[in-house]
N, C-alpha and C. Protein backbone atom coordinates (compact mmCIF):
# COMPACT_ATOMS: atom_id res chain seq x y z
N MET A 1 0.84 -1.18 0.00
CA MET A 1 0.00 0.00 0.00
C MET A 1 0.88 1.24 0.00
N SER A 2 0.49 2.20 -0.78
CA SER A 2 1.23 3.45 -0.80
C SER A 2 0.66 4.39 0.26
N VAL A 3 1.25 5.55 0.38
CA VAL A 3 0.78 6.56 1.33
C VAL A 3 -0.60 7.03 0.91
N ILE A 4 -1.47 7.26 1.89
CA ILE A 4 -2.84 7.74 1.64
C ILE A 4 -2.86 9.22 1.99
N TYR A 5 -3.15 10.06 1.01
CA TYR A 5 -3.14 11.50 1.21
C TYR A 5 -4.56 12.07 1.29
N GLY A 6 -4.75 12.99 2.24
CA GLY A 6 -5.95 13.78 2.33
C GLY A 6 -5.58 15.24 2.11
N GLU A 7 -6.47 16.15 2.49
CA GLU A 7 -6.17 17.57 2.33
C GLU A 7 -5.10 18.04 3.30
N ARG A 8 -5.20 17.62 4.57
CA ARG A 8 -4.26 18.08 5.59
C ARG A 8 -3.55 16.93 6.30
N VAL A 9 -3.95 15.71 5.99
CA VAL A 9 -3.48 14.53 6.69
C VAL A 9 -2.94 13.52 5.69
N ARG A 10 -1.92 12.78 6.11
CA ARG A 10 -1.52 11.61 5.32
C ARG A 10 -1.36 10.43 6.26
N LEU A 11 -1.62 9.24 5.72
CA LEU A 11 -1.47 7.99 6.45
C LEU A 11 -0.36 7.20 5.78
N ARG A 12 0.61 6.78 6.58
CA ARG A 12 1.74 6.03 6.03
C ARG A 12 2.03 4.85 6.95
N ALA A 13 2.88 3.96 6.48
CA ALA A 13 3.27 2.82 7.30
C ALA A 13 3.97 3.30 8.58
N VAL A 14 3.77 2.58 9.65
CA VAL A 14 4.44 2.87 10.92
C VAL A 14 5.90 2.44 10.80
N GLU A 15 6.80 3.29 11.30
CA GLU A 15 8.23 3.00 11.29
C GLU A 15 8.74 2.85 12.73
N ARG A 16 9.88 2.19 12.87
CA ARG A 16 10.44 1.95 14.21
C ARG A 16 10.63 3.26 15.00
N GLU A 17 11.03 4.33 14.34
CA GLU A 17 11.26 5.58 15.07
C GLU A 17 9.97 6.19 15.63
N ASP A 18 8.80 5.76 15.13
CA ASP A 18 7.52 6.23 15.65
C ASP A 18 7.24 5.68 17.05
N VAL A 19 7.85 4.56 17.38
CA VAL A 19 7.56 3.87 18.64
C VAL A 19 7.84 4.77 19.86
N LYS A 20 8.84 5.63 19.77
CA LYS A 20 9.16 6.54 20.89
C LYS A 20 7.98 7.45 21.21
N ARG A 21 7.34 8.00 20.17
CA ARG A 21 6.18 8.87 20.39
C ARG A 21 4.99 8.05 20.88
N PHE A 22 4.78 6.87 20.29
CA PHE A 22 3.67 6.02 20.72
C PHE A 22 3.79 5.69 22.20
N PHE A 23 5.02 5.41 22.65
CA PHE A 23 5.25 5.09 24.06
C PHE A 23 4.76 6.23 24.96
N VAL A 24 5.08 7.46 24.58
CA VAL A 24 4.64 8.63 25.36
C VAL A 24 3.11 8.69 25.38
N TRP A 25 2.50 8.53 24.23
CA TRP A 25 1.04 8.65 24.13
C TRP A 25 0.31 7.57 24.90
N VAL A 26 0.74 6.30 24.78
CA VAL A 26 0.00 5.21 25.43
C VAL A 26 0.18 5.20 26.94
N ASN A 27 1.05 6.07 27.45
CA ASN A 27 1.23 6.20 28.89
C ASN A 27 0.69 7.52 29.42
N ASP A 28 -0.03 8.25 28.59
CA ASP A 28 -0.63 9.52 28.99
C ASP A 28 -2.12 9.27 29.27
N PRO A 29 -2.55 9.39 30.53
CA PRO A 29 -3.95 9.11 30.87
C PRO A 29 -4.96 9.94 30.09
N GLU A 30 -4.61 11.16 29.72
CA GLU A 30 -5.54 11.97 28.91
C GLU A 30 -5.73 11.37 27.53
N VAL A 31 -4.65 10.88 26.94
CA VAL A 31 -4.72 10.29 25.60
C VAL A 31 -5.47 8.97 25.64
N THR A 32 -5.22 8.16 26.65
CA THR A 32 -5.81 6.81 26.69
C THR A 32 -7.18 6.77 27.37
N ARG A 33 -7.67 7.91 27.82
CA ARG A 33 -8.95 7.96 28.53
C ARG A 33 -10.08 7.26 27.76
N HIS A 34 -10.10 7.43 26.45
CA HIS A 34 -11.17 6.86 25.64
C HIS A 34 -10.69 5.67 24.79
N LEU A 35 -9.55 5.10 25.17
CA LEU A 35 -9.02 3.92 24.48
C LEU A 35 -9.12 2.71 25.40
N SER A 36 -8.99 1.53 24.83
CA SER A 36 -9.10 0.31 25.63
C SER A 36 -7.86 0.07 26.49
N LEU A 37 -6.81 0.84 26.30
CA LEU A 37 -5.60 0.70 27.12
C LEU A 37 -5.89 1.15 28.55
N TYR A 38 -5.42 0.39 29.52
CA TYR A 38 -5.65 0.79 30.91
C TYR A 38 -4.47 0.49 31.82
N LEU A 39 -3.43 -0.17 31.33
CA LEU A 39 -2.24 -0.43 32.13
C LEU A 39 -1.04 0.26 31.50
N PRO A 40 -0.07 0.67 32.31
CA PRO A 40 1.14 1.29 31.74
C PRO A 40 1.86 0.31 30.82
N LEU A 41 2.49 0.84 29.79
CA LEU A 41 3.28 0.04 28.87
C LEU A 41 4.73 0.52 28.91
N SER A 42 5.65 -0.41 28.83
CA SER A 42 7.07 -0.07 28.83
C SER A 42 7.56 0.15 27.40
N THR A 43 8.76 0.68 27.28
CA THR A 43 9.34 0.82 25.94
C THR A 43 9.53 -0.56 25.31
N VAL A 44 9.86 -1.54 26.12
CA VAL A 44 9.99 -2.91 25.61
C VAL A 44 8.65 -3.41 25.07
N ASP A 45 7.56 -3.13 25.80
CA ASP A 45 6.22 -3.51 25.32
C ASP A 45 5.96 -2.92 23.93
N GLU A 46 6.26 -1.64 23.77
CA GLU A 46 6.02 -0.97 22.49
C GLU A 46 6.94 -1.51 21.41
N GLU A 47 8.20 -1.78 21.74
CA GLU A 47 9.12 -2.36 20.75
C GLU A 47 8.68 -3.76 20.35
N ASN A 48 8.22 -4.56 21.31
CA ASN A 48 7.71 -5.90 20.99
C ASN A 48 6.47 -5.81 20.10
N TRP A 49 5.61 -4.83 20.38
CA TRP A 49 4.44 -4.61 19.53
C TRP A 49 4.89 -4.32 18.10
N PHE A 50 5.87 -3.42 17.95
CA PHE A 50 6.36 -3.08 16.62
C PHE A 50 6.96 -4.31 15.94
N ASP A 51 7.75 -5.07 16.68
CA ASP A 51 8.39 -6.26 16.10
C ASP A 51 7.36 -7.29 15.63
N SER A 52 6.19 -7.31 16.27
CA SER A 52 5.14 -8.28 15.89
C SER A 52 4.39 -7.87 14.63
N LEU A 53 4.56 -6.63 14.17
CA LEU A 53 3.80 -6.15 13.01
C LEU A 53 4.11 -6.93 11.74
N GLY A 54 5.33 -7.43 11.62
CA GLY A 54 5.72 -8.18 10.43
C GLY A 54 4.93 -9.46 10.26
N LYS A 55 4.34 -9.96 11.32
CA LYS A 55 3.56 -11.20 11.26
C LYS A 55 2.09 -10.95 10.94
N ARG A 56 1.68 -9.70 10.91
CA ARG A 56 0.27 -9.37 10.66
C ARG A 56 -0.06 -9.40 9.18
N ASP A 57 -1.34 -9.59 8.93
CA ASP A 57 -1.89 -9.44 7.58
C ASP A 57 -1.55 -8.01 7.13
N PRO A 58 -0.95 -7.84 5.96
CA PRO A 58 -0.57 -6.49 5.51
C PRO A 58 -1.74 -5.50 5.52
N ARG A 59 -2.97 -5.99 5.32
CA ARG A 59 -4.14 -5.10 5.31
C ARG A 59 -4.45 -4.57 6.71
N GLU A 60 -3.92 -5.22 7.73
CA GLU A 60 -4.25 -4.86 9.11
C GLU A 60 -3.10 -4.19 9.86
N LYS A 61 -2.07 -3.80 9.16
CA LYS A 61 -0.97 -3.12 9.83
C LYS A 61 -1.38 -1.68 10.14
N PRO A 62 -0.98 -1.18 11.32
CA PRO A 62 -1.35 0.20 11.68
C PRO A 62 -0.70 1.22 10.76
N LEU A 63 -1.31 2.38 10.72
CA LEU A 63 -0.83 3.49 9.90
C LEU A 63 -0.53 4.68 10.79
N ALA A 64 0.56 5.36 10.49
CA ALA A 64 0.90 6.60 11.20
C ALA A 64 0.07 7.73 10.61
N ILE A 65 -0.41 8.62 11.48
CA ILE A 65 -1.16 9.80 11.05
C ILE A 65 -0.21 10.99 11.12
N GLU A 66 -0.05 11.67 10.00
CA GLU A 66 0.80 12.86 9.96
C GLU A 66 0.02 14.04 9.39
N ILE A 67 0.40 15.23 9.86
CA ILE A 67 -0.18 16.47 9.33
C ILE A 67 0.93 17.31 8.72
N ARG A 68 0.54 18.18 7.82
CA ARG A 68 1.53 19.08 7.21
C ARG A 68 2.13 19.99 8.29
N ASP A 69 3.43 20.16 8.21
CA ASP A 69 4.15 20.97 9.19
C ASP A 69 5.25 21.72 8.45
N GLY A 70 4.92 22.93 8.01
CA GLY A 70 5.86 23.67 7.18
C GLY A 70 6.07 22.92 5.88
N GLY A 71 7.32 22.59 5.58
CA GLY A 71 7.62 21.84 4.36
C GLY A 71 7.65 20.34 4.57
N GLY A 72 7.35 19.90 5.80
CA GLY A 72 7.41 18.47 6.10
C GLY A 72 6.12 17.95 6.70
N TRP A 73 6.27 16.89 7.50
CA TRP A 73 5.13 16.23 8.11
C TRP A 73 5.40 15.99 9.58
N LYS A 74 4.36 16.09 10.39
CA LYS A 74 4.45 15.90 11.84
C LYS A 74 3.57 14.72 12.24
N LEU A 75 4.15 13.77 12.97
CA LEU A 75 3.42 12.61 13.47
C LEU A 75 2.49 13.04 14.60
N ILE A 76 1.19 12.71 14.50
CA ILE A 76 0.25 13.09 15.56
C ILE A 76 -0.53 11.91 16.13
N GLY A 77 -0.42 10.74 15.50
CA GLY A 77 -1.18 9.60 16.01
C GLY A 77 -1.04 8.39 15.12
N ASN A 78 -1.93 7.42 15.35
CA ASN A 78 -1.97 6.25 14.48
C ASN A 78 -3.40 5.73 14.38
N CYS A 79 -3.61 4.87 13.40
CA CYS A 79 -4.94 4.32 13.16
C CYS A 79 -4.77 2.96 12.52
N SER A 80 -5.85 2.21 12.47
CA SER A 80 -5.75 0.90 11.84
C SER A 80 -7.11 0.36 11.42
N VAL A 81 -7.04 -0.59 10.51
CA VAL A 81 -8.15 -1.43 10.10
C VAL A 81 -7.79 -2.81 10.64
N PHE A 82 -8.70 -3.45 11.37
CA PHE A 82 -8.35 -4.75 11.95
C PHE A 82 -9.57 -5.66 12.02
N ASP A 83 -9.31 -6.91 12.35
CA ASP A 83 -10.36 -7.94 12.39
C ASP A 83 -11.15 -7.97 11.08
N ILE A 84 -10.43 -7.98 9.98
CA ILE A 84 -11.08 -8.03 8.67
C ILE A 84 -11.76 -9.39 8.50
N ASP A 85 -13.03 -9.33 8.16
CA ASP A 85 -13.83 -10.52 7.87
C ASP A 85 -14.02 -10.55 6.35
N SER A 86 -13.29 -11.43 5.69
CA SER A 86 -13.31 -11.47 4.23
C SER A 86 -14.62 -12.00 3.67
N ILE A 87 -15.36 -12.77 4.44
CA ILE A 87 -16.63 -13.29 3.95
C ILE A 87 -17.71 -12.22 4.02
N SER A 88 -17.84 -11.57 5.16
CA SER A 88 -18.84 -10.50 5.31
C SER A 88 -18.34 -9.17 4.77
N ARG A 89 -17.05 -9.12 4.42
CA ARG A 89 -16.41 -7.91 3.89
C ARG A 89 -16.62 -6.72 4.83
N GLN A 90 -16.20 -6.93 6.08
CA GLN A 90 -16.28 -5.87 7.07
C GLN A 90 -15.03 -5.91 7.94
N ALA A 91 -14.79 -4.78 8.62
CA ALA A 91 -13.64 -4.68 9.52
C ALA A 91 -13.90 -3.59 10.55
N GLU A 92 -13.14 -3.66 11.64
CA GLU A 92 -13.22 -2.64 12.68
C GLU A 92 -12.09 -1.63 12.47
N LEU A 93 -12.36 -0.39 12.84
CA LEU A 93 -11.37 0.68 12.72
C LEU A 93 -11.03 1.22 14.10
N GLY A 94 -9.81 1.74 14.23
CA GLY A 94 -9.39 2.37 15.47
C GLY A 94 -8.49 3.55 15.18
N ILE A 95 -8.45 4.49 16.12
CA ILE A 95 -7.65 5.71 15.95
C ILE A 95 -7.17 6.20 17.30
N MET A 96 -5.98 6.80 17.30
CA MET A 96 -5.45 7.49 18.47
C MET A 96 -4.75 8.76 17.98
N ILE A 97 -5.26 9.90 18.39
CA ILE A 97 -4.55 11.17 18.15
C ILE A 97 -3.80 11.43 19.46
N GLY A 98 -2.50 11.26 19.45
CA GLY A 98 -1.71 11.36 20.66
C GLY A 98 -1.23 12.77 20.97
N GLU A 99 -1.04 13.59 19.95
CA GLU A 99 -0.57 14.96 20.16
C GLU A 99 -1.74 15.83 20.59
N LYS A 100 -1.83 16.10 21.88
CA LYS A 100 -3.00 16.80 22.43
C LYS A 100 -3.19 18.20 21.87
N GLU A 101 -2.09 18.86 21.49
CA GLU A 101 -2.24 20.21 20.93
C GLU A 101 -2.90 20.18 19.55
N GLU A 102 -3.05 19.00 18.98
CA GLU A 102 -3.70 18.88 17.68
C GLU A 102 -5.16 18.39 17.79
N TRP A 103 -5.64 18.24 19.02
CA TRP A 103 -7.03 17.85 19.23
C TRP A 103 -7.96 18.99 18.81
N ASN A 104 -9.16 18.65 18.45
CA ASN A 104 -10.21 19.62 18.10
C ASN A 104 -9.89 20.46 16.87
N LYS A 105 -9.12 19.89 15.95
CA LYS A 105 -8.79 20.59 14.71
C LYS A 105 -9.30 19.86 13.48
N GLY A 106 -10.09 18.81 13.70
CA GLY A 106 -10.67 18.08 12.58
C GLY A 106 -9.79 16.99 12.00
N TYR A 107 -8.63 16.74 12.59
CA TYR A 107 -7.74 15.71 12.05
C TYR A 107 -8.30 14.30 12.24
N GLY A 108 -9.02 14.08 13.32
CA GLY A 108 -9.63 12.77 13.54
C GLY A 108 -10.68 12.45 12.49
N ALA A 109 -11.53 13.42 12.20
CA ALA A 109 -12.57 13.22 11.18
C ALA A 109 -11.94 12.99 9.80
N GLU A 110 -10.92 13.76 9.47
CA GLU A 110 -10.27 13.58 8.17
C GLU A 110 -9.59 12.22 8.09
N THR A 111 -8.95 11.81 9.19
CA THR A 111 -8.31 10.49 9.22
C THR A 111 -9.32 9.39 9.02
N MET A 112 -10.45 9.47 9.71
CA MET A 112 -11.46 8.43 9.58
C MET A 112 -12.07 8.43 8.17
N THR A 113 -12.19 9.59 7.55
CA THR A 113 -12.66 9.66 6.17
C THR A 113 -11.68 8.96 5.25
N LEU A 114 -10.39 9.19 5.46
CA LEU A 114 -9.36 8.51 4.65
C LEU A 114 -9.39 7.01 4.88
N LEU A 115 -9.59 6.59 6.13
CA LEU A 115 -9.67 5.16 6.41
C LEU A 115 -10.88 4.53 5.73
N LEU A 116 -12.00 5.24 5.72
CA LEU A 116 -13.18 4.71 5.02
C LEU A 116 -12.90 4.59 3.52
N ARG A 117 -12.26 5.59 2.95
CA ARG A 117 -11.90 5.51 1.53
C ARG A 117 -11.03 4.28 1.28
N HIS A 118 -10.07 4.06 2.16
CA HIS A 118 -9.18 2.90 2.06
C HIS A 118 -9.99 1.60 2.16
N CYS A 119 -10.91 1.55 3.11
CA CYS A 119 -11.73 0.34 3.30
C CYS A 119 -12.56 0.02 2.07
N PHE A 120 -13.21 1.03 1.51
CA PHE A 120 -14.16 0.79 0.43
C PHE A 120 -13.52 0.79 -0.96
N GLU A 121 -12.48 1.59 -1.16
CA GLU A 121 -11.90 1.71 -2.49
C GLU A 121 -10.64 0.87 -2.69
N THR A 122 -9.99 0.47 -1.61
CA THR A 122 -8.78 -0.35 -1.73
C THR A 122 -9.01 -1.77 -1.24
N LEU A 123 -9.58 -1.91 -0.05
CA LEU A 123 -9.76 -3.23 0.54
C LEU A 123 -11.06 -3.92 0.10
N ASN A 124 -11.91 -3.20 -0.64
CA ASN A 124 -13.16 -3.75 -1.16
C ASN A 124 -14.07 -4.26 -0.04
N LEU A 125 -14.15 -3.53 1.06
CA LEU A 125 -15.05 -3.90 2.15
C LEU A 125 -16.44 -3.33 1.87
N ASN A 126 -17.43 -3.90 2.53
CA ASN A 126 -18.79 -3.40 2.41
C ASN A 126 -19.20 -2.61 3.65
N ARG A 127 -18.57 -2.91 4.80
CA ARG A 127 -18.93 -2.26 6.06
C ARG A 127 -17.68 -2.04 6.90
N ALA A 128 -17.62 -0.87 7.50
CA ALA A 128 -16.57 -0.56 8.47
C ALA A 128 -17.26 -0.10 9.74
N TYR A 129 -16.75 -0.53 10.87
CA TYR A 129 -17.38 -0.14 12.14
C TYR A 129 -16.33 0.17 13.18
N LEU A 130 -16.78 0.77 14.26
CA LEU A 130 -15.90 1.09 15.37
C LEU A 130 -16.72 1.10 16.65
N ARG A 131 -16.01 1.10 17.74
CA ARG A 131 -16.64 1.21 19.05
C ARG A 131 -16.09 2.46 19.71
N VAL A 132 -16.97 3.22 20.33
CA VAL A 132 -16.58 4.45 20.99
C VAL A 132 -17.28 4.52 22.34
N TYR A 133 -16.54 4.93 23.36
CA TYR A 133 -17.14 5.07 24.68
C TYR A 133 -18.18 6.18 24.63
N ALA A 134 -19.30 5.96 25.31
CA ALA A 134 -20.41 6.92 25.27
C ALA A 134 -19.97 8.31 25.73
N GLY A 135 -19.01 8.39 26.64
CA GLY A 135 -18.55 9.68 27.13
C GLY A 135 -17.59 10.41 26.20
N ASN A 136 -17.22 9.81 25.10
CA ASN A 136 -16.26 10.40 24.18
C ASN A 136 -16.99 11.24 23.13
N GLU A 137 -17.44 12.40 23.54
CA GLU A 137 -18.22 13.28 22.65
C GLU A 137 -17.41 13.73 21.45
N ARG A 138 -16.15 14.08 21.66
CA ARG A 138 -15.29 14.55 20.56
C ARG A 138 -15.16 13.45 19.50
N GLY A 139 -14.93 12.22 19.95
CA GLY A 139 -14.80 11.10 19.03
C GLY A 139 -16.08 10.86 18.25
N LYS A 140 -17.23 10.84 18.95
CA LYS A 140 -18.50 10.59 18.28
C LYS A 140 -18.77 11.64 17.19
N ARG A 141 -18.47 12.91 17.49
CA ARG A 141 -18.67 13.97 16.48
C ARG A 141 -17.78 13.74 15.26
N ALA A 142 -16.52 13.39 15.51
CA ALA A 142 -15.58 13.15 14.40
C ALA A 142 -16.05 11.99 13.53
N TYR A 143 -16.51 10.92 14.16
CA TYR A 143 -16.95 9.75 13.41
C TYR A 143 -18.21 10.06 12.58
N GLN A 144 -19.14 10.81 13.18
CA GLN A 144 -20.35 11.19 12.44
C GLN A 144 -19.98 12.08 11.25
N LYS A 145 -19.05 12.98 11.46
CA LYS A 145 -18.62 13.87 10.37
C LYS A 145 -18.01 13.05 9.23
N ALA A 146 -17.32 11.96 9.57
CA ALA A 146 -16.70 11.11 8.55
C ALA A 146 -17.72 10.21 7.85
N GLY A 147 -18.92 10.08 8.41
CA GLY A 147 -19.95 9.29 7.76
C GLY A 147 -20.45 8.08 8.54
N PHE A 148 -19.98 7.90 9.75
CA PHE A 148 -20.46 6.79 10.58
C PHE A 148 -21.82 7.14 11.19
N VAL A 149 -22.65 6.11 11.37
CA VAL A 149 -23.94 6.28 12.04
C VAL A 149 -23.99 5.33 13.23
N VAL A 150 -24.76 5.72 14.23
CA VAL A 150 -24.91 4.88 15.41
C VAL A 150 -25.72 3.64 15.04
N GLU A 151 -25.18 2.48 15.38
CA GLU A 151 -25.86 1.21 15.10
C GLU A 151 -26.39 0.56 16.38
N GLY A 152 -25.80 0.91 17.51
CA GLY A 152 -26.27 0.29 18.74
C GLY A 152 -25.47 0.73 19.95
N ARG A 153 -25.92 0.28 21.10
CA ARG A 153 -25.31 0.64 22.38
C ARG A 153 -25.12 -0.63 23.20
N LEU A 154 -23.90 -0.82 23.68
CA LEU A 154 -23.59 -1.91 24.61
C LEU A 154 -23.55 -1.29 26.00
N ARG A 155 -24.55 -1.61 26.80
CA ARG A 155 -24.71 -0.94 28.09
C ARG A 155 -23.64 -1.39 29.08
N GLU A 156 -23.02 -0.40 29.74
CA GLU A 156 -22.00 -0.62 30.77
C GLU A 156 -21.01 -1.70 30.35
N ALA A 157 -20.54 -1.59 29.14
CA ALA A 157 -19.67 -2.62 28.55
C ALA A 157 -18.19 -2.42 28.84
N VAL A 158 -17.83 -1.27 29.42
CA VAL A 158 -16.42 -1.03 29.71
C VAL A 158 -16.30 -0.44 31.11
N TYR A 159 -15.26 -0.85 31.80
CA TYR A 159 -14.96 -0.30 33.12
C TYR A 159 -13.66 0.46 33.01
N LYS A 160 -13.70 1.75 33.25
CA LYS A 160 -12.52 2.60 33.09
C LYS A 160 -12.63 3.77 34.05
N CYS A 161 -11.53 4.13 34.66
CA CYS A 161 -11.47 5.29 35.56
C CYS A 161 -12.49 5.17 36.70
N GLY A 162 -12.66 3.95 37.21
CA GLY A 162 -13.52 3.73 38.37
C GLY A 162 -15.00 3.70 38.11
N LYS A 163 -15.41 3.63 36.84
CA LYS A 163 -16.85 3.58 36.56
C LYS A 163 -17.10 2.81 35.27
N TYR A 164 -18.33 2.35 35.12
CA TYR A 164 -18.76 1.68 33.90
C TYR A 164 -19.27 2.71 32.91
N ASP A 165 -19.06 2.44 31.63
CA ASP A 165 -19.53 3.33 30.58
C ASP A 165 -20.12 2.47 29.47
N ASP A 166 -21.09 3.03 28.78
CA ASP A 166 -21.65 2.35 27.62
C ASP A 166 -20.67 2.46 26.46
N VAL A 167 -20.75 1.51 25.55
CA VAL A 167 -19.97 1.54 24.32
C VAL A 167 -20.95 1.67 23.17
N ILE A 168 -20.71 2.65 22.32
CA ILE A 168 -21.55 2.90 21.16
C ILE A 168 -20.89 2.24 19.96
N VAL A 169 -21.65 1.46 19.21
CA VAL A 169 -21.17 0.86 17.97
C VAL A 169 -21.64 1.76 16.83
N MET A 170 -20.69 2.17 16.01
CA MET A 170 -20.99 3.03 14.86
C MET A 170 -20.46 2.34 13.61
N GLY A 171 -21.19 2.50 12.51
CA GLY A 171 -20.76 1.85 11.28
C GLY A 171 -21.00 2.71 10.06
N ALA A 172 -20.33 2.33 8.99
CA ALA A 172 -20.51 2.99 7.69
C ALA A 172 -20.55 1.89 6.63
N LEU A 173 -21.43 2.06 5.68
CA LEU A 173 -21.59 1.10 4.60
C LEU A 173 -21.05 1.67 3.29
N ARG A 174 -20.60 0.77 2.43
CA ARG A 174 -20.11 1.18 1.11
C ARG A 174 -21.17 2.00 0.37
N SER A 175 -22.44 1.58 0.41
CA SER A 175 -23.50 2.30 -0.30
C SER A 175 -23.63 3.73 0.22
N GLU A 176 -23.47 3.92 1.53
CA GLU A 176 -23.53 5.26 2.12
C GLU A 176 -22.33 6.08 1.67
N TRP A 177 -21.16 5.44 1.61
CA TRP A 177 -19.93 6.10 1.17
C TRP A 177 -20.08 6.61 -0.26
N ILE A 178 -20.62 5.76 -1.13
CA ILE A 178 -20.82 6.13 -2.53
C ILE A 178 -21.81 7.30 -2.63
N ALA A 179 -22.90 7.24 -1.87
CA ALA A 179 -23.90 8.31 -1.89
C ALA A 179 -23.29 9.64 -1.41
N ARG A 180 -22.46 9.59 -0.36
CA ARG A 180 -21.81 10.81 0.13
C ARG A 180 -20.86 11.39 -0.89
N LYS A 181 -20.13 10.53 -1.60
CA LYS A 181 -19.20 11.01 -2.63
C LYS A 181 -19.95 11.72 -3.74
N LYS A 182 -21.12 11.21 -4.12
CA LYS A 182 -21.91 11.82 -5.20
C LYS A 182 -22.45 13.18 -4.77
N GLU A 183 -22.70 13.37 -3.47
CA GLU A 183 -23.23 14.65 -2.96
C GLU A 183 -22.20 15.75 -3.04
N ARG A 184 -20.93 15.39 -3.01
CA ARG A 184 -19.87 16.42 -2.97
C ARG A 184 -19.61 17.02 -4.30
């Protein structure tokens, strides 16, 4: 797969040098508040994670999220398509914007839009879905902006920060993606 370009964001393969930034992000409680991560990770944990990527299905390898920064690019997070079901032609998506100063600038929505394009136009999927904690208002807005719709609610399905929270399942269909493209 080549680099996926958007207007302000690009998605590229994760490189070993990215692991240092990922380590910082996955150990920041503000960043992981709405992620399934709940225990501290060591640099060795992150390096082992990176080393395991070579064994993954190439379609499911994580992608680095970068934004334009002067004449270059700045790493701000990562995302992935995973649990691809080739029979039902569906997969789950995930995202982490680790650079907090880049929050609330629309990069999450643009990234998810690029991931949907990748799912439907490259991977030939029919459905992409994600799970978002009910308390993650910023995430839900970004996903809706990208074209996801609420499909259901898993009540008190996650325990985080001393309390239970609902998990919202959101999805996007190829037919919806095509209809949105025609509207633009």
